[in-house]
Amino acid sequence: MAVKTYTWISLWFLLTVPVVAWDVGYCFMRPRSMKGGDLHWIWKPYAIYQEVDYIYGLPALNAKNGFTNAQALLNVIETFMNIVYLYLAHVGAWPPATIIGFGAALMTLSKTVLYWIQEYYCDYCAVGHNDFKTLFVYWIIPNGLWIVVPIFIVAQLGKDLAGSLNLAAKAEEKFAAKKIK
């Protein structure tokens, strides 16, 4: 059985690689990547974001809050999984590649939901200082994308995995029935 691929899923995995790499670079290079740092020119748009989301800004850095870099390290792992999925699905044509794509998308979804839940449980300690428009434009929309798209990927690849498992179970039942006769 050939691996089933979807252009929209492959494009998501492919297009997110440089975006996530850029974000990881910002996180791991703080404070040099931040406004006023010698490498800030690479991450200039983060001048706004570090003021919107304190997890990316000076408050978390000064407090030695490890969440930012912990999630960045998980970003490295999930991005590696995205690349492995793309290679195994499109070059290797390996049907179990779907499991890796499913795992990568579920990891992205879980990590992003954790990021939001963490804000809820700390009484919006990193983003609560924003007015609604700023929060919506710079935090909810961009971060929400990392929830919505992975939900659809997990649903699609999960459906494919369930279908493959059901097919395998039926084939095993037929094989067992023939063996008994």
N, C-alpha and C. Protein backbone atom coordinates (compact mmCIF):
# COMPACT_ATOMS: atom_id res chain seq x y z
N MET A 1 0.85 -1.18 0.00
CA MET A 1 0.00 0.00 0.00
C MET A 1 0.89 1.24 0.00
N ALA A 2 0.68 2.12 -0.93
CA ALA A 2 1.50 3.34 -1.06
C ALA A 2 1.12 4.35 0.02
N VAL A 3 2.10 5.20 0.36
CA VAL A 3 1.84 6.25 1.33
C VAL A 3 0.90 7.29 0.70
N LYS A 4 -0.10 7.69 1.47
CA LYS A 4 -1.05 8.69 0.99
C LYS A 4 -0.57 10.05 1.47
N THR A 5 -0.34 10.96 0.52
CA THR A 5 0.12 12.29 0.89
C THR A 5 -0.91 13.33 0.45
N TYR A 6 -0.83 14.48 1.09
CA TYR A 6 -1.72 15.60 0.79
C TYR A 6 -0.85 16.83 0.56
N THR A 7 -1.10 17.52 -0.52
CA THR A 7 -0.30 18.69 -0.85
C THR A 7 -0.35 19.72 0.26
N TRP A 8 -1.51 20.00 0.81
CA TRP A 8 -1.64 21.04 1.84
C TRP A 8 -0.85 20.67 3.10
N ILE A 9 -0.82 19.39 3.46
CA ILE A 9 -0.05 18.96 4.63
C ILE A 9 1.44 19.08 4.35
N SER A 10 1.86 18.62 3.20
CA SER A 10 3.27 18.71 2.84
C SER A 10 3.72 20.15 2.76
N LEU A 11 2.89 21.03 2.21
CA LEU A 11 3.24 22.45 2.14
C LEU A 11 3.35 23.06 3.54
N TRP A 12 2.45 22.70 4.42
CA TRP A 12 2.53 23.20 5.80
C TRP A 12 3.86 22.79 6.43
N PHE A 13 4.17 21.49 6.33
CA PHE A 13 5.42 21.01 6.92
C PHE A 13 6.63 21.70 6.28
N LEU A 14 6.60 21.87 4.98
CA LEU A 14 7.72 22.49 4.27
C LEU A 14 7.86 23.98 4.59
N LEU A 15 6.76 24.70 4.58
CA LEU A 15 6.80 26.14 4.81
C LEU A 15 7.09 26.51 6.27
N THR A 16 6.73 25.63 7.19
CA THR A 16 6.99 25.94 8.59
C THR A 16 8.44 25.72 8.99
N VAL A 17 9.19 24.95 8.23
CA VAL A 17 10.60 24.69 8.59
C VAL A 17 11.40 25.99 8.73
N PRO A 18 11.42 26.88 7.73
CA PRO A 18 12.21 28.11 7.92
C PRO A 18 11.62 29.05 8.97
N VAL A 19 10.29 29.07 9.09
CA VAL A 19 9.66 29.94 10.10
C VAL A 19 10.06 29.50 11.50
N VAL A 20 9.97 28.21 11.74
CA VAL A 20 10.31 27.67 13.06
C VAL A 20 11.82 27.81 13.32
N ALA A 21 12.63 27.58 12.30
CA ALA A 21 14.09 27.74 12.46
C ALA A 21 14.42 29.18 12.87
N TRP A 22 13.74 30.13 12.26
CA TRP A 22 13.95 31.55 12.57
C TRP A 22 13.56 31.83 14.02
N ASP A 23 12.41 31.28 14.44
CA ASP A 23 11.93 31.46 15.80
C ASP A 23 12.89 30.82 16.81
N VAL A 24 13.34 29.62 16.52
CA VAL A 24 14.28 28.92 17.39
C VAL A 24 15.56 29.75 17.53
N GLY A 25 16.04 30.29 16.41
CA GLY A 25 17.23 31.13 16.45
C GLY A 25 17.04 32.32 17.38
N TYR A 26 15.89 32.97 17.27
CA TYR A 26 15.60 34.11 18.15
C TYR A 26 15.67 33.68 19.62
N CYS A 27 14.99 32.59 19.93
CA CYS A 27 14.92 32.13 21.32
C CYS A 27 16.30 31.77 21.87
N PHE A 28 17.05 30.98 21.13
CA PHE A 28 18.35 30.52 21.61
C PHE A 28 19.42 31.61 21.61
N MET A 29 19.21 32.65 20.82
CA MET A 29 20.22 33.72 20.74
C MET A 29 19.89 34.90 21.66
N ARG A 30 18.79 34.84 22.42
CA ARG A 30 18.49 35.93 23.34
C ARG A 30 19.62 36.10 24.34
N PRO A 31 20.04 37.23 24.71
CA PRO A 31 19.52 38.57 24.44
C PRO A 31 20.08 39.20 23.15
N ARG A 32 21.02 38.53 22.50
CA ARG A 32 21.63 39.12 21.30
C ARG A 32 20.62 39.33 20.17
N SER A 33 19.57 38.49 20.13
CA SER A 33 18.56 38.59 19.08
C SER A 33 17.50 39.64 19.39
N MET A 34 17.48 40.12 20.61
CA MET A 34 16.43 41.04 21.06
C MET A 34 16.76 42.48 20.67
N LYS A 35 15.72 43.32 20.77
CA LYS A 35 15.90 44.75 20.51
C LYS A 35 17.08 45.26 21.33
N GLY A 36 18.02 45.91 20.65
CA GLY A 36 19.23 46.40 21.29
C GLY A 36 20.41 45.45 21.19
N GLY A 37 20.14 44.19 20.80
CA GLY A 37 21.20 43.20 20.64
C GLY A 37 21.91 43.34 19.30
N ASP A 38 23.14 42.88 19.23
CA ASP A 38 23.93 43.03 18.00
C ASP A 38 23.39 42.19 16.84
N LEU A 39 22.59 41.17 17.11
CA LEU A 39 22.02 40.33 16.04
C LEU A 39 20.54 40.61 15.80
N HIS A 40 20.03 41.63 16.45
CA HIS A 40 18.59 41.92 16.33
C HIS A 40 18.14 42.16 14.89
N TRP A 41 19.01 42.65 14.04
CA TRP A 41 18.64 42.93 12.65
C TRP A 41 18.07 41.69 11.96
N ILE A 42 18.49 40.50 12.38
CA ILE A 42 17.98 39.26 11.79
C ILE A 42 16.53 39.02 12.21
N TRP A 43 16.20 39.45 13.41
CA TRP A 43 14.88 39.20 14.00
C TRP A 43 14.13 40.50 14.27
N LYS A 44 14.24 41.47 13.39
CA LYS A 44 13.65 42.79 13.61
C LYS A 44 12.16 42.77 13.99
N PRO A 45 11.32 41.95 13.34
CA PRO A 45 9.90 41.92 13.73
C PRO A 45 9.67 41.50 15.19
N TYR A 46 10.63 40.83 15.77
CA TYR A 46 10.50 40.43 17.17
C TYR A 46 10.55 41.62 18.12
N ALA A 47 10.95 42.78 17.64
CA ALA A 47 10.93 43.99 18.48
C ALA A 47 9.51 44.25 18.96
N ILE A 48 8.53 43.98 18.10
CA ILE A 48 7.12 44.12 18.48
C ILE A 48 6.71 42.94 19.36
N TYR A 49 7.04 41.74 18.90
CA TYR A 49 6.55 40.54 19.58
C TYR A 49 7.09 40.43 21.00
N GLN A 50 8.33 40.83 21.23
CA GLN A 50 8.88 40.71 22.58
C GLN A 50 8.19 41.65 23.56
N GLU A 51 7.50 42.68 23.03
CA GLU A 51 6.72 43.57 23.89
C GLU A 51 5.29 43.06 24.07
N VAL A 52 4.81 42.27 23.11
CA VAL A 52 3.46 41.70 23.18
C VAL A 52 3.45 40.48 24.08
N ASP A 53 4.44 39.61 23.91
CA ASP A 53 4.52 38.35 24.65
C ASP A 53 5.80 38.35 25.47
N TYR A 54 5.65 38.56 26.77
CA TYR A 54 6.82 38.67 27.65
C TYR A 54 7.62 37.36 27.75
N ILE A 55 7.01 36.25 27.37
CA ILE A 55 7.78 34.99 27.33
C ILE A 55 8.93 35.13 26.34
N TYR A 56 8.73 35.92 25.30
CA TYR A 56 9.76 36.19 24.31
C TYR A 56 10.57 37.45 24.64
N GLY A 57 10.19 38.15 25.68
CA GLY A 57 10.81 39.43 25.99
C GLY A 57 11.72 39.39 27.20
N LEU A 58 12.08 40.58 27.64
CA LEU A 58 13.00 40.73 28.77
C LEU A 58 12.47 40.18 30.09
N PRO A 59 11.16 40.33 30.40
CA PRO A 59 10.70 39.80 31.68
C PRO A 59 11.03 38.31 31.88
N ALA A 60 10.78 37.49 30.87
CA ALA A 60 11.07 36.05 30.99
C ALA A 60 12.58 35.80 31.00
N LEU A 61 13.30 36.53 30.17
CA LEU A 61 14.76 36.36 30.12
C LEU A 61 15.38 36.74 31.46
N ASN A 62 14.99 37.88 32.01
CA ASN A 62 15.54 38.34 33.28
C ASN A 62 15.15 37.43 34.45
N ALA A 63 13.97 36.83 34.35
CA ALA A 63 13.51 35.91 35.40
C ALA A 63 14.09 34.51 35.24
N LYS A 64 14.88 34.33 34.19
CA LYS A 64 15.46 33.01 33.87
C LYS A 64 14.36 31.97 33.68
N ASN A 65 13.25 32.40 33.07
CA ASN A 65 12.14 31.51 32.77
C ASN A 65 12.58 30.59 31.62
N GLY A 66 12.61 29.31 31.87
CA GLY A 66 13.10 28.36 30.88
C GLY A 66 12.09 27.93 29.84
N PHE A 67 10.83 28.36 29.98
CA PHE A 67 9.79 27.91 29.06
C PHE A 67 10.12 28.26 27.61
N THR A 68 10.63 29.45 27.37
CA THR A 68 10.89 29.90 26.00
C THR A 68 11.85 28.95 25.29
N ASN A 69 12.98 28.68 25.91
CA ASN A 69 13.94 27.80 25.26
C ASN A 69 13.52 26.34 25.30
N ALA A 70 12.76 25.94 26.31
CA ALA A 70 12.25 24.57 26.34
C ALA A 70 11.32 24.32 25.16
N GLN A 71 10.42 25.28 24.89
CA GLN A 71 9.52 25.11 23.74
C GLN A 71 10.30 25.24 22.43
N ALA A 72 11.37 26.03 22.42
CA ALA A 72 12.19 26.15 21.21
C ALA A 72 12.90 24.83 20.92
N LEU A 73 13.36 24.15 21.96
CA LEU A 73 13.99 22.85 21.76
C LEU A 73 12.98 21.84 21.22
N LEU A 74 11.77 21.87 21.74
CA LEU A 74 10.71 21.00 21.20
C LEU A 74 10.41 21.37 19.75
N ASN A 75 10.50 22.66 19.41
CA ASN A 75 10.33 23.08 18.02
C ASN A 75 11.37 22.42 17.11
N VAL A 76 12.59 22.30 17.59
CA VAL A 76 13.65 21.64 16.81
C VAL A 76 13.26 20.20 16.54
N ILE A 77 12.78 19.50 17.57
CA ILE A 77 12.40 18.09 17.42
C ILE A 77 11.23 17.95 16.46
N GLU A 78 10.19 18.76 16.63
CA GLU A 78 9.02 18.62 15.75
C GLU A 78 9.36 19.01 14.32
N THR A 79 10.25 19.98 14.13
CA THR A 79 10.64 20.37 12.78
C THR A 79 11.46 19.26 12.13
N PHE A 80 12.31 18.63 12.89
CA PHE A 80 13.05 17.47 12.39
C PHE A 80 12.07 16.38 11.96
N MET A 81 11.04 16.15 12.76
CA MET A 81 10.03 15.16 12.41
C MET A 81 9.28 15.56 11.13
N ASN A 82 9.00 16.85 10.96
CA ASN A 82 8.36 17.33 9.73
C ASN A 82 9.22 16.99 8.51
N ILE A 83 10.52 17.25 8.62
CA ILE A 83 11.45 16.98 7.52
C ILE A 83 11.53 15.48 7.24
N VAL A 84 11.60 14.69 8.30
CA VAL A 84 11.64 13.23 8.15
C VAL A 84 10.37 12.74 7.46
N TYR A 85 9.22 13.27 7.89
CA TYR A 85 7.96 12.90 7.24
C TYR A 85 8.01 13.21 5.74
N LEU A 86 8.42 14.44 5.41
CA LEU A 86 8.47 14.83 4.00
C LEU A 86 9.38 13.90 3.20
N TYR A 87 10.52 13.59 3.75
CA TYR A 87 11.46 12.70 3.05
C TYR A 87 10.87 11.29 2.89
N LEU A 88 10.39 10.73 4.00
CA LEU A 88 9.89 9.36 3.95
C LEU A 88 8.62 9.23 3.11
N ALA A 89 7.79 10.25 3.13
CA ALA A 89 6.53 10.19 2.36
C ALA A 89 6.75 10.43 0.88
N HIS A 90 7.59 11.41 0.56
CA HIS A 90 7.72 11.81 -0.85
C HIS A 90 8.91 11.20 -1.57
N VAL A 91 9.98 10.93 -0.86
CA VAL A 91 11.18 10.36 -1.49
C VAL A 91 11.23 8.85 -1.24
N GLY A 92 11.07 8.47 0.02
CA GLY A 92 11.14 7.06 0.38
C GLY A 92 9.86 6.30 0.08
N ALA A 93 8.74 7.01 -0.08
CA ALA A 93 7.42 6.40 -0.31
C ALA A 93 7.14 5.28 0.70
N TRP A 94 7.44 5.56 1.96
CA TRP A 94 7.29 4.59 3.04
C TRP A 94 5.94 4.80 3.71
N PRO A 95 5.01 3.88 3.59
CA PRO A 95 3.66 4.07 4.15
C PRO A 95 3.62 4.47 5.63
N PRO A 96 4.47 3.91 6.51
CA PRO A 96 4.42 4.35 7.91
C PRO A 96 4.86 5.80 8.14
N ALA A 97 5.27 6.51 7.11
CA ALA A 97 5.62 7.93 7.26
C ALA A 97 4.46 8.71 7.86
N THR A 98 3.25 8.25 7.60
CA THR A 98 2.06 8.90 8.14
C THR A 98 2.12 9.00 9.66
N ILE A 99 2.68 7.99 10.31
CA ILE A 99 2.79 8.01 11.77
C ILE A 99 3.68 9.16 12.22
N ILE A 100 4.75 9.40 11.49
CA ILE A 100 5.68 10.47 11.84
C ILE A 100 5.01 11.83 11.61
N GLY A 101 4.31 11.99 10.51
CA GLY A 101 3.59 13.24 10.25
C GLY A 101 2.52 13.50 11.30
N PHE A 102 1.79 12.45 11.67
CA PHE A 102 0.77 12.55 12.71
C PHE A 102 1.41 12.98 14.03
N GLY A 103 2.51 12.33 14.39
CA GLY A 103 3.20 12.65 15.64
C GLY A 103 3.73 14.07 15.65
N ALA A 104 4.27 14.51 14.53
CA ALA A 104 4.81 15.87 14.45
C ALA A 104 3.69 16.91 14.61
N ALA A 105 2.58 16.68 13.91
CA ALA A 105 1.46 17.63 14.00
C ALA A 105 0.84 17.61 15.40
N LEU A 106 0.74 16.43 15.99
CA LEU A 106 0.19 16.33 17.35
C LEU A 106 1.12 17.02 18.34
N MET A 107 2.42 16.94 18.10
CA MET A 107 3.39 17.62 18.97
C MET A 107 3.24 19.13 18.85
N THR A 108 3.10 19.63 17.63
CA THR A 108 2.90 21.07 17.42
C THR A 108 1.62 21.53 18.12
N LEU A 109 0.56 20.79 17.91
CA LEU A 109 -0.73 21.12 18.52
C LEU A 109 -0.63 21.11 20.05
N SER A 110 -0.08 20.06 20.61
CA SER A 110 0.00 19.93 22.07
C SER A 110 0.86 21.03 22.67
N LYS A 111 1.98 21.32 22.05
CA LYS A 111 2.89 22.34 22.57
C LYS A 111 2.24 23.72 22.52
N THR A 112 1.52 24.00 21.45
CA THR A 112 0.88 25.30 21.33
C THR A 112 -0.28 25.44 22.30
N VAL A 113 -1.05 24.39 22.47
CA VAL A 113 -2.14 24.42 23.46
C VAL A 113 -1.55 24.60 24.85
N LEU A 114 -0.45 23.93 25.15
CA LEU A 114 0.22 24.12 26.44
C LEU A 114 0.63 25.57 26.64
N TYR A 115 1.13 26.17 25.59
CA TYR A 115 1.55 27.58 25.62
C TYR A 115 0.37 28.47 26.01
N TRP A 116 -0.80 28.20 25.42
CA TRP A 116 -2.01 28.99 25.73
C TRP A 116 -2.51 28.68 27.15
N ILE A 117 -2.52 27.41 27.52
CA ILE A 117 -3.02 27.03 28.84
C ILE A 117 -2.13 27.62 29.93
N GLN A 118 -0.84 27.64 29.67
CA GLN A 118 0.10 28.23 30.62
C GLN A 118 -0.27 29.69 30.87
N GLU A 119 -0.66 30.39 29.84
CA GLU A 119 -1.10 31.79 30.00
C GLU A 119 -2.35 31.88 30.87
N TYR A 120 -3.27 30.98 30.65
CA TYR A 120 -4.50 30.97 31.45
C TYR A 120 -4.17 30.77 32.93
N TYR A 121 -3.34 29.77 33.22
CA TYR A 121 -3.05 29.44 34.61
C TYR A 121 -2.15 30.43 35.33
N CYS A 122 -1.45 31.27 34.59
CA CYS A 122 -0.64 32.30 35.27
C CYS A 122 -1.36 33.65 35.20
N ASP A 123 -2.67 33.62 34.93
CA ASP A 123 -3.49 34.83 34.86
C ASP A 123 -2.98 35.78 33.78
N TYR A 124 -2.63 35.20 32.63
CA TYR A 124 -2.17 35.96 31.45
C TYR A 124 -0.96 36.83 31.80
N CYS A 125 -0.03 36.21 32.52
CA CYS A 125 1.14 36.93 33.02
C CYS A 125 2.07 37.44 31.91
N ALA A 126 2.08 36.82 30.75
CA ALA A 126 2.98 37.25 29.69
C ALA A 126 2.30 38.08 28.61
N VAL A 127 0.97 38.00 28.52
CA VAL A 127 0.27 38.73 27.45
C VAL A 127 -0.88 39.61 27.96
N GLY A 128 -1.19 39.54 29.23
CA GLY A 128 -2.33 40.25 29.79
C GLY A 128 -2.22 41.77 29.79
N HIS A 129 -1.04 42.29 29.56
CA HIS A 129 -0.84 43.74 29.54
C HIS A 129 -1.28 44.38 28.22
N ASN A 130 -1.62 43.58 27.22
CA ASN A 130 -2.00 44.10 25.90
C ASN A 130 -3.48 44.47 25.84
N ASP A 131 -3.80 45.45 24.97
CA ASP A 131 -5.21 45.70 24.68
C ASP A 131 -5.67 44.58 23.74
N PHE A 132 -6.99 44.43 23.57
CA PHE A 132 -7.51 43.31 22.81
C PHE A 132 -7.02 43.31 21.36
N LYS A 133 -7.01 44.47 20.71
CA LYS A 133 -6.59 44.53 19.31
C LYS A 133 -5.15 44.05 19.15
N THR A 134 -4.26 44.53 19.99
CA THR A 134 -2.86 44.11 19.93
C THR A 134 -2.75 42.62 20.17
N LEU A 135 -3.43 42.14 21.19
CA LEU A 135 -3.41 40.71 21.52
C LEU A 135 -3.94 39.87 20.36
N PHE A 136 -5.03 40.32 19.77
CA PHE A 136 -5.65 39.57 18.67
C PHE A 136 -4.73 39.52 17.45
N VAL A 137 -4.19 40.66 17.05
CA VAL A 137 -3.38 40.75 15.83
C VAL A 137 -2.02 40.07 16.00
N TYR A 138 -1.38 40.28 17.13
CA TYR A 138 0.00 39.82 17.29
C TYR A 138 0.16 38.52 18.07
N TRP A 139 -0.89 38.06 18.74
CA TRP A 139 -0.73 36.84 19.53
C TRP A 139 -1.77 35.79 19.18
N ILE A 140 -3.05 36.14 19.19
CA ILE A 140 -4.10 35.14 18.95
C ILE A 140 -4.05 34.62 17.52
N ILE A 141 -4.03 35.51 16.53
CA ILE A 141 -4.02 35.04 15.13
C ILE A 141 -2.75 34.23 14.81
N PRO A 142 -1.55 34.79 15.05
CA PRO A 142 -0.38 33.99 14.67
C PRO A 142 -0.25 32.69 15.46
N ASN A 143 -0.53 32.71 16.75
CA ASN A 143 -0.42 31.48 17.53
C ASN A 143 -1.59 30.54 17.27
N GLY A 144 -2.76 31.10 16.98
CA GLY A 144 -3.92 30.28 16.66
C GLY A 144 -3.73 29.44 15.41
N LEU A 145 -2.97 29.97 14.47
CA LEU A 145 -2.65 29.22 13.24
C LEU A 145 -1.95 27.91 13.58
N TRP A 146 -1.12 27.93 14.63
CA TRP A 146 -0.36 26.74 15.05
C TRP A 146 -1.22 25.76 15.83
N ILE A 147 -2.49 26.13 16.04
CA ILE A 147 -3.46 25.22 16.63
C ILE A 147 -4.40 24.70 15.55
N VAL A 148 -4.93 25.60 14.75
CA VAL A 148 -5.95 25.24 13.76
C VAL A 148 -5.41 24.29 12.70
N VAL A 149 -4.29 24.64 12.07
CA VAL A 149 -3.76 23.79 11.00
C VAL A 149 -3.36 22.41 11.53
N PRO A 150 -2.62 22.33 12.64
CA PRO A 150 -2.31 20.99 13.15
C PRO A 150 -3.54 20.16 13.52
N ILE A 151 -4.63 20.80 13.97
CA ILE A 151 -5.86 20.04 14.24
C ILE A 151 -6.33 19.34 12.96
N PHE A 152 -6.33 20.05 11.86
CA PHE A 152 -6.76 19.45 10.59
C PHE A 152 -5.79 18.37 10.12
N ILE A 153 -4.50 18.57 10.34
CA ILE A 153 -3.51 17.56 9.95
C ILE A 153 -3.69 16.30 10.80
N VAL A 154 -3.81 16.49 12.11
CA VAL A 154 -4.01 15.35 13.01
C VAL A 154 -5.29 14.60 12.63
N ALA A 155 -6.35 15.32 12.32
CA ALA A 155 -7.62 14.67 11.93
C ALA A 155 -7.45 13.87 10.64
N GLN A 156 -6.81 14.47 9.64
CA GLN A 156 -6.65 13.79 8.35
C GLN A 156 -5.72 12.58 8.45
N LEU A 157 -4.55 12.79 9.04
CA LEU A 157 -3.61 11.67 9.14
C LEU A 157 -4.11 10.62 10.13
N GLY A 158 -4.82 11.05 11.17
CA GLY A 158 -5.42 10.09 12.10
C GLY A 158 -6.47 9.23 11.41
N LYS A 159 -7.25 9.84 10.55
CA LYS A 159 -8.25 9.09 9.77
C LYS A 159 -7.56 8.07 8.86
N ASP A 160 -6.47 8.50 8.23
CA ASP A 160 -5.72 7.58 7.35
C ASP A 160 -5.12 6.43 8.15
N LEU A 161 -4.56 6.74 9.33
CA LEU A 161 -3.98 5.69 10.17
C LEU A 161 -5.06 4.71 10.63
N ALA A 162 -6.20 5.23 11.04
CA ALA A 162 -7.29 4.36 11.48
C ALA A 162 -7.76 3.47 10.33
N GLY A 163 -7.84 4.04 9.13
CA GLY A 163 -8.22 3.25 7.96
C GLY A 163 -7.23 2.14 7.68
N SER A 164 -5.95 2.45 7.79
CA SER A 164 -4.91 1.43 7.56
C SER A 164 -4.99 0.34 8.62
N LEU A 165 -5.20 0.72 9.86
CA LEU A 165 -5.30 -0.27 10.93
C LEU A 165 -6.54 -1.15 10.76
N ASN A 166 -7.65 -0.54 10.35
CA ASN A 166 -8.86 -1.33 10.10
C ASN A 166 -8.67 -2.30 8.95
N LEU A 167 -8.01 -1.84 7.90
CA LEU A 167 -7.72 -2.71 6.74
C LEU A 167 -6.82 -3.86 7.16
N ALA A 168 -5.80 -3.57 7.95
CA ALA A 168 -4.89 -4.61 8.42
C ALA A 168 -5.62 -5.62 9.30
N ALA A 169 -6.52 -5.14 10.14
CA ALA A 169 -7.28 -6.03 11.02
C ALA A 169 -8.19 -6.95 10.21
N LYS A 170 -8.83 -6.42 9.18
CA LYS A 170 -9.69 -7.25 8.33
C LYS A 170 -8.88 -8.29 7.58
N ALA A 171 -7.70 -7.88 7.09
CA ALA A 171 -6.83 -8.82 6.39
C ALA A 171 -6.37 -9.93 7.33
N GLU A 172 -6.08 -9.57 8.57
CA GLU A 172 -5.65 -10.57 9.56
C GLU A 172 -6.79 -11.53 9.88
N GLU A 173 -8.02 -11.00 9.97
CA GLU A 173 -9.18 -11.86 10.23
C GLU A 173 -9.38 -12.86 9.10
N LYS A 174 -9.25 -12.39 7.85
CA LYS A 174 -9.40 -13.28 6.69
C LYS A 174 -8.31 -14.35 6.68
N PHE A 175 -7.09 -13.93 7.00
CA PHE A 175 -5.98 -14.88 7.05
C PHE A 175 -6.22 -15.92 8.13
N ALA A 176 -6.67 -15.48 9.31
CA ALA A 176 -6.93 -16.40 10.41
C ALA A 176 -8.08 -17.36 10.07
N ALA A 177 -9.11 -16.84 9.39
CA ALA A 177 -10.25 -17.67 9.00
C ALA A 177 -9.81 -18.76 8.01
N LYS A 178 -8.95 -18.41 7.06
CA LYS A 178 -8.44 -19.40 6.07
C LYS A 178 -7.57 -20.44 6.76
N LYS A 179 -6.81 -20.01 7.76
CA LYS A 179 -5.90 -20.90 8.47
C LYS A 179 -6.68 -21.95 9.28
N ILE A 180 -7.83 -21.56 9.80
CA ILE A 180 -8.66 -22.46 10.61
C ILE A 180 -9.28 -23.53 9.73
N LYS A 181 -9.66 -23.21 8.50
CA LYS A 181 -10.33 -24.15 7.60
C LYS A 181 -9.37 -25.21 7.27
